[in-house]
Amino acid sequence: MKVLIVLYSGGQAAKEQPRLLGTTENKLGIYDWLVKAGHEVVVTDDKEGPNSAFQKNIVDAEILVTTPFHPGYLTKEVMDKAKNLKLCVTAGVGSDHIDLNAANARKITVAEVSGSNVVSVAEHVIMTMLVLVRNFVPAHEQIIAHKWNVAQVARDAYDLEGKVIGTIGCGRIGYRVLQRLEAFNPKELLWFDYTDLPADAAKAINARRVATLDELLSSCDVITVNCPLHEGTRGLINKAAIAKMKKGVWLINTARGAICDRMAVVEALESGHLAGYGGDVWDVQPAPADHPWRDMRAPNGNGNAMVAHYSGTTIDAQERYANGTKEIIDNYLQGKPQNPANIIVENGDYASKAYGQRK
């Protein structure tokens, strides 16, 4: 059997840190296990274009493993070439780089390691929120430049305490974000989702569910996006949605870049309607050098807290999603049922409520 694994290359960092499992050098820790079992394994970071190692090797691969951090985009056109493909595994959380409708049509199983990085991402949300609200980036850049001007950075620095903070999506990550925010004594915590929380979970946090997205957008000082990318959320935060937000709102997106309209974010930040935009997800990954989210700024030269997509690939998270990937593949090889929490599509249908067309 052939297994194709698409990962990012870690270079010197991967050599110095063997626990950097999500790299081509350290191969999720599963390469030797698969080879010893007699399988052909191809590990690559080359994923762009028809002549890439990804597209050449997908033709006869039975299992594809990729990550949200360096995704191999499995479109319908690419999938049509993959005559032997039976299982796609996302080493991490988030399988929107795969055409799930096409996978259903082919009855290809798509699985991910549910919960493997939810704590890591939730912590990154809180960090980004504080970085933006406290105006940390320009304050730090000022020190690196050997300057000292308290007024220049303090004029755009605020407290989280007393703010109205809301999450779009209240699944595993959004819920944990709300849990962690309670310690900051916000004025109110809001959440919007198409599905309700379990009764015990809802009682465990001091947060209010709003009936509509518009209510959340218009009420919040800080908004964090924690929903999956699918047909119903692509471009959800567009020019019209941003216009409904308060002037001076901070927006954090660690879900998927394409949930936010690229130029709508740029224009809103540069006009000052958004006080800040931060996160680690981009609508194309890796982001090209000329991507406008790299250089966009608010009128005072602040408000940008973008980083490469690494919130869910901490060393701790990599161990969890590497182990989970091995378990999913092992279950497949032995003909065992998968953990239902890990299944996105199976037997031609959606198994997860997080994906597919949603209202």
Protein backbone atom coordinates (compact mmCIF):
# COMPACT_ATOMS: atom_id res chain seq x y z
CA MET A 1 0.00 0.00 0.00
CA LYS A 2 1.18 3.55 -0.71
CA VAL A 3 0.95 6.32 1.89
CA LEU A 4 1.53 9.93 0.83
CA ILE A 5 2.37 12.37 3.63
CA VAL A 6 2.49 16.13 2.95
CA LEU A 7 4.20 18.15 5.69
CA TYR A 8 6.18 21.36 6.04
CA SER A 9 9.96 21.18 6.12
CA GLY A 10 11.57 22.19 9.40
CA GLY A 11 15.18 22.52 8.28
CA GLN A 12 17.66 23.12 11.07
CA ALA A 13 14.89 23.55 13.62
CA ALA A 14 13.64 20.01 12.94
CA LYS A 15 17.15 18.62 13.33
CA GLU A 16 17.63 20.39 16.63
CA GLN A 17 14.13 19.59 17.94
CA PRO A 18 13.15 15.95 17.24
CA ARG A 19 9.76 16.60 18.84
CA LEU A 20 8.91 18.82 15.85
CA LEU A 21 6.96 15.85 14.53
CA GLY A 22 4.89 17.66 11.92
CA THR A 23 7.87 18.15 9.61
CA THR A 24 9.22 16.24 6.62
CA GLU A 25 12.33 15.48 8.66
CA ASN A 26 10.52 13.83 11.59
CA LYS A 27 7.61 12.42 9.57
CA LEU A 28 5.00 12.42 12.35
CA GLY A 29 7.02 9.64 13.97
CA ILE A 30 5.22 7.07 11.79
CA TYR A 31 7.54 6.58 8.81
CA ASP A 32 9.59 3.68 10.22
CA TRP A 33 6.44 1.99 11.57
CA LEU A 34 4.79 2.05 8.14
CA VAL A 35 7.91 1.00 6.21
CA LYS A 36 8.57 -1.86 8.61
CA ALA A 37 5.02 -3.08 7.91
CA GLY A 38 5.89 -3.24 4.22
CA HIS A 39 4.18 -0.08 2.97
CA GLU A 40 5.56 2.44 0.49
CA VAL A 41 5.73 5.86 2.14
CA VAL A 42 6.39 9.18 0.39
CA VAL A 43 6.95 12.27 2.56
CA THR A 44 7.14 15.66 0.87
CA ASP A 45 6.60 19.38 1.28
CA ASP A 46 6.23 19.88 -2.49
CA LYS A 47 2.52 20.46 -2.99
CA GLU A 48 1.93 23.26 -5.49
CA GLY A 49 1.01 22.68 -9.13
CA PRO A 50 0.44 19.70 -11.41
CA ASN A 51 4.12 18.70 -11.42
CA SER A 52 4.45 18.71 -7.62
CA ALA A 53 5.37 15.57 -5.70
CA PHE A 54 1.92 15.77 -4.12
CA GLN A 55 0.05 15.52 -7.42
CA LYS A 56 2.41 12.97 -8.93
CA ASN A 57 2.17 10.62 -5.96
CA ILE A 58 -1.53 11.04 -5.24
CA VAL A 59 -2.24 9.07 -8.43
CA ASP A 60 -1.62 5.67 -6.79
CA ALA A 61 -1.73 6.51 -3.07
CA GLU A 62 -4.26 4.69 -0.89
CA ILE A 63 -3.81 6.96 2.14
CA LEU A 64 -3.13 10.70 2.14
CA VAL A 65 -1.92 12.46 5.27
CA THR A 66 -1.67 16.23 5.33
CA THR A 67 -1.90 19.07 7.84
CA PRO A 68 -3.76 22.37 8.12
CA PHE A 69 -0.41 24.15 8.50
CA HIS A 70 0.97 23.18 5.08
CA PRO A 71 -2.09 21.74 3.35
CA GLY A 72 -2.05 19.65 0.24
CA TYR A 73 -5.18 20.98 -1.47
CA LEU A 74 -7.15 17.93 -2.56
CA THR A 75 -9.58 19.42 -5.07
CA LYS A 76 -12.05 17.35 -7.07
CA GLU A 77 -9.73 17.58 -10.07
CA VAL A 78 -6.78 16.22 -8.08
CA MET A 79 -8.99 13.60 -6.44
CA ASP A 80 -10.12 12.36 -9.85
CA LYS A 81 -6.51 11.36 -10.54
CA ALA A 82 -6.32 9.40 -7.28
CA LYS A 83 -7.86 6.11 -8.36
CA ASN A 84 -6.67 4.17 -5.29
CA LEU A 85 -7.42 6.76 -2.61
CA LYS A 86 -9.46 5.41 0.28
CA LEU A 87 -8.49 7.44 3.36
CA CYS A 88 -7.49 11.08 3.92
CA VAL A 89 -6.12 11.93 7.36
CA THR A 90 -5.67 15.47 8.63
CA ALA A 91 -2.85 15.51 11.17
CA GLY A 92 -4.53 18.15 13.27
CA VAL A 93 -7.98 19.72 13.12
CA GLY A 94 -9.66 21.23 10.05
CA SER A 95 -10.18 19.37 6.76
CA ASP A 96 -11.36 22.19 4.50
CA HIS A 97 -8.31 21.68 2.25
CA ILE A 98 -10.16 18.59 0.98
CA ASP A 99 -13.18 18.80 -1.31
CA LEU A 100 -15.48 16.95 1.06
CA ASN A 101 -18.38 16.73 -1.39
CA ALA A 102 -16.08 15.06 -3.91
CA ALA A 103 -14.83 12.72 -1.18
CA ASN A 104 -18.42 11.78 -0.43
CA ALA A 105 -19.10 11.09 -4.10
CA ARG A 106 -16.10 8.74 -4.14
CA LYS A 107 -16.89 7.31 -0.69
CA ILE A 108 -13.43 8.28 0.52
CA THR A 109 -13.13 8.48 4.30
CA VAL A 110 -11.84 11.79 5.68
CA ALA A 111 -10.69 11.84 9.29
CA GLU A 112 -8.88 14.29 11.56
CA VAL A 113 -7.48 14.12 15.06
CA SER A 114 -10.35 15.70 16.92
CA GLY A 115 -9.37 17.78 19.93
CA SER A 116 -5.64 17.46 19.34
CA ASN A 117 -4.95 21.17 19.24
CA VAL A 118 -7.99 22.85 20.78
CA VAL A 119 -6.16 23.99 23.91
CA SER A 120 -3.23 25.25 21.84
CA VAL A 121 -5.48 27.33 19.58
CA ALA A 122 -7.60 28.65 22.46
CA GLU A 123 -4.45 29.89 24.19
CA HIS A 124 -3.32 31.54 20.95
CA VAL A 125 -6.68 33.34 20.69
CA ILE A 126 -6.25 34.81 24.17
CA MET A 127 -2.65 35.80 23.41
CA THR A 128 -3.64 37.53 20.15
CA MET A 129 -6.51 39.29 21.85
CA LEU A 130 -4.18 40.72 24.48
CA VAL A 131 -1.52 41.62 21.91
CA LEU A 132 -4.07 43.68 19.96
CA VAL A 133 -5.99 45.26 22.82
CA ARG A 134 -2.81 46.19 24.72
CA ASN A 135 -1.14 47.46 21.49
CA PHE A 136 1.85 45.23 22.18
CA VAL A 137 3.36 44.86 18.71
CA PRO A 138 4.23 48.54 18.08
CA ALA A 139 5.35 48.87 21.70
CA HIS A 140 7.79 46.01 21.21
CA GLU A 141 8.91 47.24 17.79
CA GLN A 142 9.67 50.61 19.37
CA ILE A 143 12.06 48.99 21.84
CA ILE A 144 13.76 46.93 19.12
CA ALA A 145 14.31 50.23 17.25
CA HIS A 146 16.04 51.64 20.38
CA LYS A 147 13.27 54.21 20.92
CA TRP A 148 11.12 55.19 23.90
CA ASN A 149 7.76 56.93 23.44
CA VAL A 150 5.13 55.84 25.93
CA ALA A 151 2.44 58.15 24.61
CA GLN A 152 2.79 56.84 21.06
CA VAL A 153 1.81 53.30 22.11
CA ALA A 154 -0.39 54.02 25.15
CA ARG A 155 -2.87 56.05 23.10
CA ASP A 156 -4.13 52.81 21.53
CA ALA A 157 -3.75 50.50 24.56
CA TYR A 158 -6.78 49.29 26.50
CA ASP A 159 -7.84 46.68 29.07
CA LEU A 160 -9.80 43.52 28.32
CA GLU A 161 -11.70 44.02 31.56
CA GLY A 162 -15.07 45.60 30.99
CA LYS A 163 -15.24 44.76 27.30
CA VAL A 164 -17.97 42.82 25.48
CA ILE A 165 -16.29 39.84 23.85
CA GLY A 166 -17.94 37.37 21.50
CA THR A 167 -17.08 34.18 19.65
CA ILE A 168 -18.46 33.14 16.28
CA GLY A 169 -18.60 29.39 16.83
CA CYS A 170 -18.71 27.77 20.23
CA GLY A 171 -17.31 24.31 19.65
CA ARG A 172 -14.28 22.84 21.37
CA ILE A 173 -12.11 25.92 20.75
CA GLY A 174 -14.69 28.69 21.11
CA TYR A 175 -15.91 27.19 24.37
CA ARG A 176 -12.40 27.05 25.81
CA VAL A 177 -11.81 30.65 24.77
CA LEU A 178 -14.88 31.72 26.75
CA GLN A 179 -13.71 29.70 29.76
CA ARG A 180 -10.35 31.45 29.77
CA LEU A 181 -11.83 34.90 29.23
CA GLU A 182 -13.92 34.76 32.40
CA ALA A 183 -10.78 35.44 34.43
CA PHE A 184 -10.43 38.85 32.72
CA ASN A 185 -13.74 40.09 34.14
CA PRO A 186 -15.32 41.18 30.84
CA LYS A 187 -18.52 43.19 30.78
CA GLU A 188 -20.19 40.31 28.94
CA LEU A 189 -19.28 37.17 27.00
CA LEU A 190 -21.40 36.31 23.96
CA TRP A 191 -21.48 33.37 21.58
CA PHE A 192 -23.21 32.54 18.33
CA ASP A 193 -23.52 29.08 16.82
CA TYR A 194 -26.07 27.13 14.80
CA THR A 195 -26.16 24.42 17.45
CA ASP A 196 -26.63 24.67 21.20
CA LEU A 197 -24.17 23.65 23.87
CA PRO A 198 -24.87 20.63 26.04
CA ALA A 199 -26.85 21.79 29.07
CA ASP A 200 -24.05 21.09 31.56
CA ALA A 201 -21.48 22.92 29.42
CA ALA A 202 -23.76 25.95 29.00
CA LYS A 203 -24.23 26.20 32.77
CA ALA A 204 -20.48 25.96 33.38
CA ILE A 205 -19.65 29.30 31.72
CA ASN A 206 -20.98 32.78 32.32
CA ALA A 207 -21.75 33.54 28.68
CA ARG A 208 -24.89 34.42 26.74
CA ARG A 209 -25.96 32.87 23.49
CA VAL A 210 -27.22 35.41 20.94
CA ALA A 211 -29.91 34.54 18.43
CA THR A 212 -28.27 36.04 15.35
CA LEU A 213 -24.83 36.76 14.00
CA ASP A 214 -25.82 40.39 13.46
CA GLU A 215 -26.52 40.77 17.19
CA LEU A 216 -23.05 39.51 18.04
CA LEU A 217 -21.36 41.68 15.40
CA SER A 218 -23.05 44.86 16.59
CA SER A 219 -22.58 44.24 20.31
CA CYS A 220 -18.93 43.31 20.71
CA ASP A 221 -15.73 45.23 21.38
CA VAL A 222 -13.72 42.11 20.58
CA ILE A 223 -14.76 39.32 18.18
CA THR A 224 -13.02 35.98 17.75
CA VAL A 225 -13.76 33.58 14.89
CA ASN A 226 -13.80 29.93 15.96
CA CYS A 227 -15.97 28.17 13.39
CA PRO A 228 -14.95 25.74 10.65
CA LEU A 229 -14.68 26.75 7.01
CA HIS A 230 -17.41 25.30 4.81
CA GLU A 231 -19.91 26.47 2.20
CA GLY A 232 -21.84 28.49 4.77
CA THR A 233 -18.88 30.32 6.36
CA ARG A 234 -16.61 31.11 3.40
CA GLY A 235 -16.46 34.91 3.21
CA LEU A 236 -18.76 35.20 6.23
CA ILE A 237 -16.86 38.24 7.53
CA ASN A 238 -17.16 40.49 4.50
CA LYS A 239 -17.60 44.22 3.96
CA ALA A 240 -21.27 44.09 4.94
CA ALA A 241 -20.58 42.13 8.12
CA ILE A 242 -17.76 44.46 9.16
CA ALA A 243 -20.02 47.47 8.60
CA LYS A 244 -22.31 46.06 11.31
CA MET A 245 -19.47 46.00 13.84
CA LYS A 246 -18.66 48.84 16.20
CA LYS A 247 -16.00 51.26 15.00
CA GLY A 248 -12.76 50.33 16.76
CA VAL A 249 -13.52 46.61 17.20
CA TRP A 250 -10.69 44.10 17.43
CA LEU A 251 -11.10 40.97 15.26
CA ILE A 252 -9.21 37.70 15.81
CA ASN A 253 -9.30 34.77 13.39
CA THR A 254 -7.51 31.52 14.19
CA ALA A 255 -10.12 29.37 12.41
CA ARG A 256 -9.53 29.67 8.65
CA GLY A 257 -8.38 32.66 6.64
CA ALA A 258 -11.07 32.35 3.97
CA ILE A 259 -13.82 32.94 6.53
CA CYS A 260 -12.77 36.60 6.36
CA ASP A 261 -12.79 38.45 3.05
CA ARG A 262 -9.21 39.44 2.32
CA MET A 263 -9.68 43.00 1.06
CA ALA A 264 -12.61 43.78 3.34
CA VAL A 265 -10.28 43.24 6.30
CA VAL A 266 -7.52 45.36 4.75
CA GLU A 267 -9.84 48.26 3.97
CA ALA A 268 -11.52 48.16 7.40
CA LEU A 269 -8.20 48.15 9.25
CA GLU A 270 -6.66 50.90 7.16
CA SER A 271 -9.76 53.07 7.59
CA GLY A 272 -9.78 52.55 11.35
CA HIS A 273 -13.13 50.75 11.44
CA LEU A 274 -11.20 47.76 12.74
CA ALA A 275 -8.78 48.69 15.52
CA GLY A 276 -6.89 45.49 14.92
CA TYR A 277 -6.87 42.17 13.12
CA GLY A 278 -4.82 39.20 14.21
CA GLY A 279 -4.51 35.47 13.84
CA ASP A 280 -2.44 32.80 12.17
CA VAL A 281 -4.66 31.57 9.33
CA TRP A 282 -4.49 32.83 5.75
CA ASP A 283 -6.72 32.34 2.72
CA VAL A 284 -3.71 30.82 0.92
CA GLN A 285 -1.00 28.90 2.77
CA PRO A 286 1.87 29.53 2.75
CA ALA A 287 0.88 33.15 2.28
CA PRO A 288 2.66 34.78 -0.68
CA ALA A 289 5.18 37.53 0.06
CA ASP A 290 2.83 40.17 -1.31
CA HIS A 291 -0.23 39.10 0.68
CA PRO A 292 -1.77 42.37 1.98
CA TRP A 293 -2.36 40.96 5.46
CA ARG A 294 1.41 41.01 5.98
CA ASP A 295 1.70 44.79 5.72
CA MET A 296 -1.75 46.22 6.51
CA ARG A 297 -1.90 48.71 9.38
CA ALA A 298 -4.43 50.86 11.20
CA PRO A 299 -4.05 54.65 10.80
CA ASN A 300 -1.58 54.91 13.70
CA GLY A 301 0.64 52.18 12.23
CA ASN A 302 -0.63 49.48 14.57
CA GLY A 303 -3.35 46.81 14.64
CA ASN A 304 -1.61 43.95 12.83
CA ALA A 305 -1.05 40.77 14.85
CA MET A 306 -0.66 38.23 12.04
CA VAL A 307 1.73 35.28 12.27
CA ALA A 308 2.31 32.10 10.29
CA HIS A 309 -0.14 29.27 10.91
CA TYR A 310 1.28 27.73 14.07
CA SER A 311 -1.33 28.13 16.83
CA GLY A 312 -2.33 24.47 16.64
CA THR A 313 1.13 23.04 16.04
CA THR A 314 2.86 23.60 19.35
CA ILE A 315 5.19 20.81 20.44
CA ASP A 316 2.47 19.51 22.77
CA ALA A 317 -0.15 19.56 20.00
CA GLN A 318 2.20 17.84 17.54
CA GLU A 319 2.58 14.89 19.88
CA ARG A 320 -1.20 14.60 20.16
CA TYR A 321 -1.94 14.82 16.46
CA ALA A 322 0.96 12.53 15.51
CA ASN A 323 -0.31 9.85 17.89
CA GLY A 324 -3.85 10.37 16.62
CA THR A 325 -2.78 10.02 13.00
CA LYS A 326 -1.07 6.73 13.78
CA GLU A 327 -4.20 5.46 15.53
CA ILE A 328 -6.44 6.36 12.57
CA ILE A 329 -4.13 4.64 10.07
CA ASP A 330 -3.72 1.61 12.31
CA ASN A 331 -7.50 1.26 12.65
CA TYR A 332 -7.80 1.41 8.86
CA LEU A 333 -5.09 -1.21 8.32
CA GLN A 334 -6.67 -3.57 10.83
CA GLY A 335 -10.22 -3.01 9.65
CA LYS A 336 -11.28 -1.56 13.00
CA PRO A 337 -13.94 1.16 13.32
CA GLN A 338 -12.65 4.69 13.77
CA ASN A 339 -13.35 6.88 16.78
CA PRO A 340 -16.58 8.63 15.67
CA ALA A 341 -15.25 11.97 16.95
CA ASN A 342 -12.47 11.81 14.34
CA ILE A 343 -14.64 11.13 11.29
CA ILE A 344 -15.58 13.99 8.96
CA VAL A 345 -17.03 12.06 6.02
CA GLU A 346 -17.56 8.32 5.67
CA ASN A 347 -19.53 6.02 3.39
CA GLY A 348 -20.57 8.90 1.16
CA ASP A 349 -22.01 11.21 3.82
CA TYR A 350 -21.03 13.79 6.41
CA ALA A 351 -20.40 12.30 9.82
CA SER A 352 -19.60 15.64 11.49
CA LYS A 353 -22.00 18.52 11.98
CA ALA A 354 -19.06 20.91 11.67
CA TYR A 355 -18.93 20.53 7.88
CA GLY A 356 -21.29 20.67 4.94
CA GLN A 357 -23.79 23.39 4.14
CA ARG A 358 -25.07 24.94 7.37
CA LYS A 359 -27.54 27.74 8.06
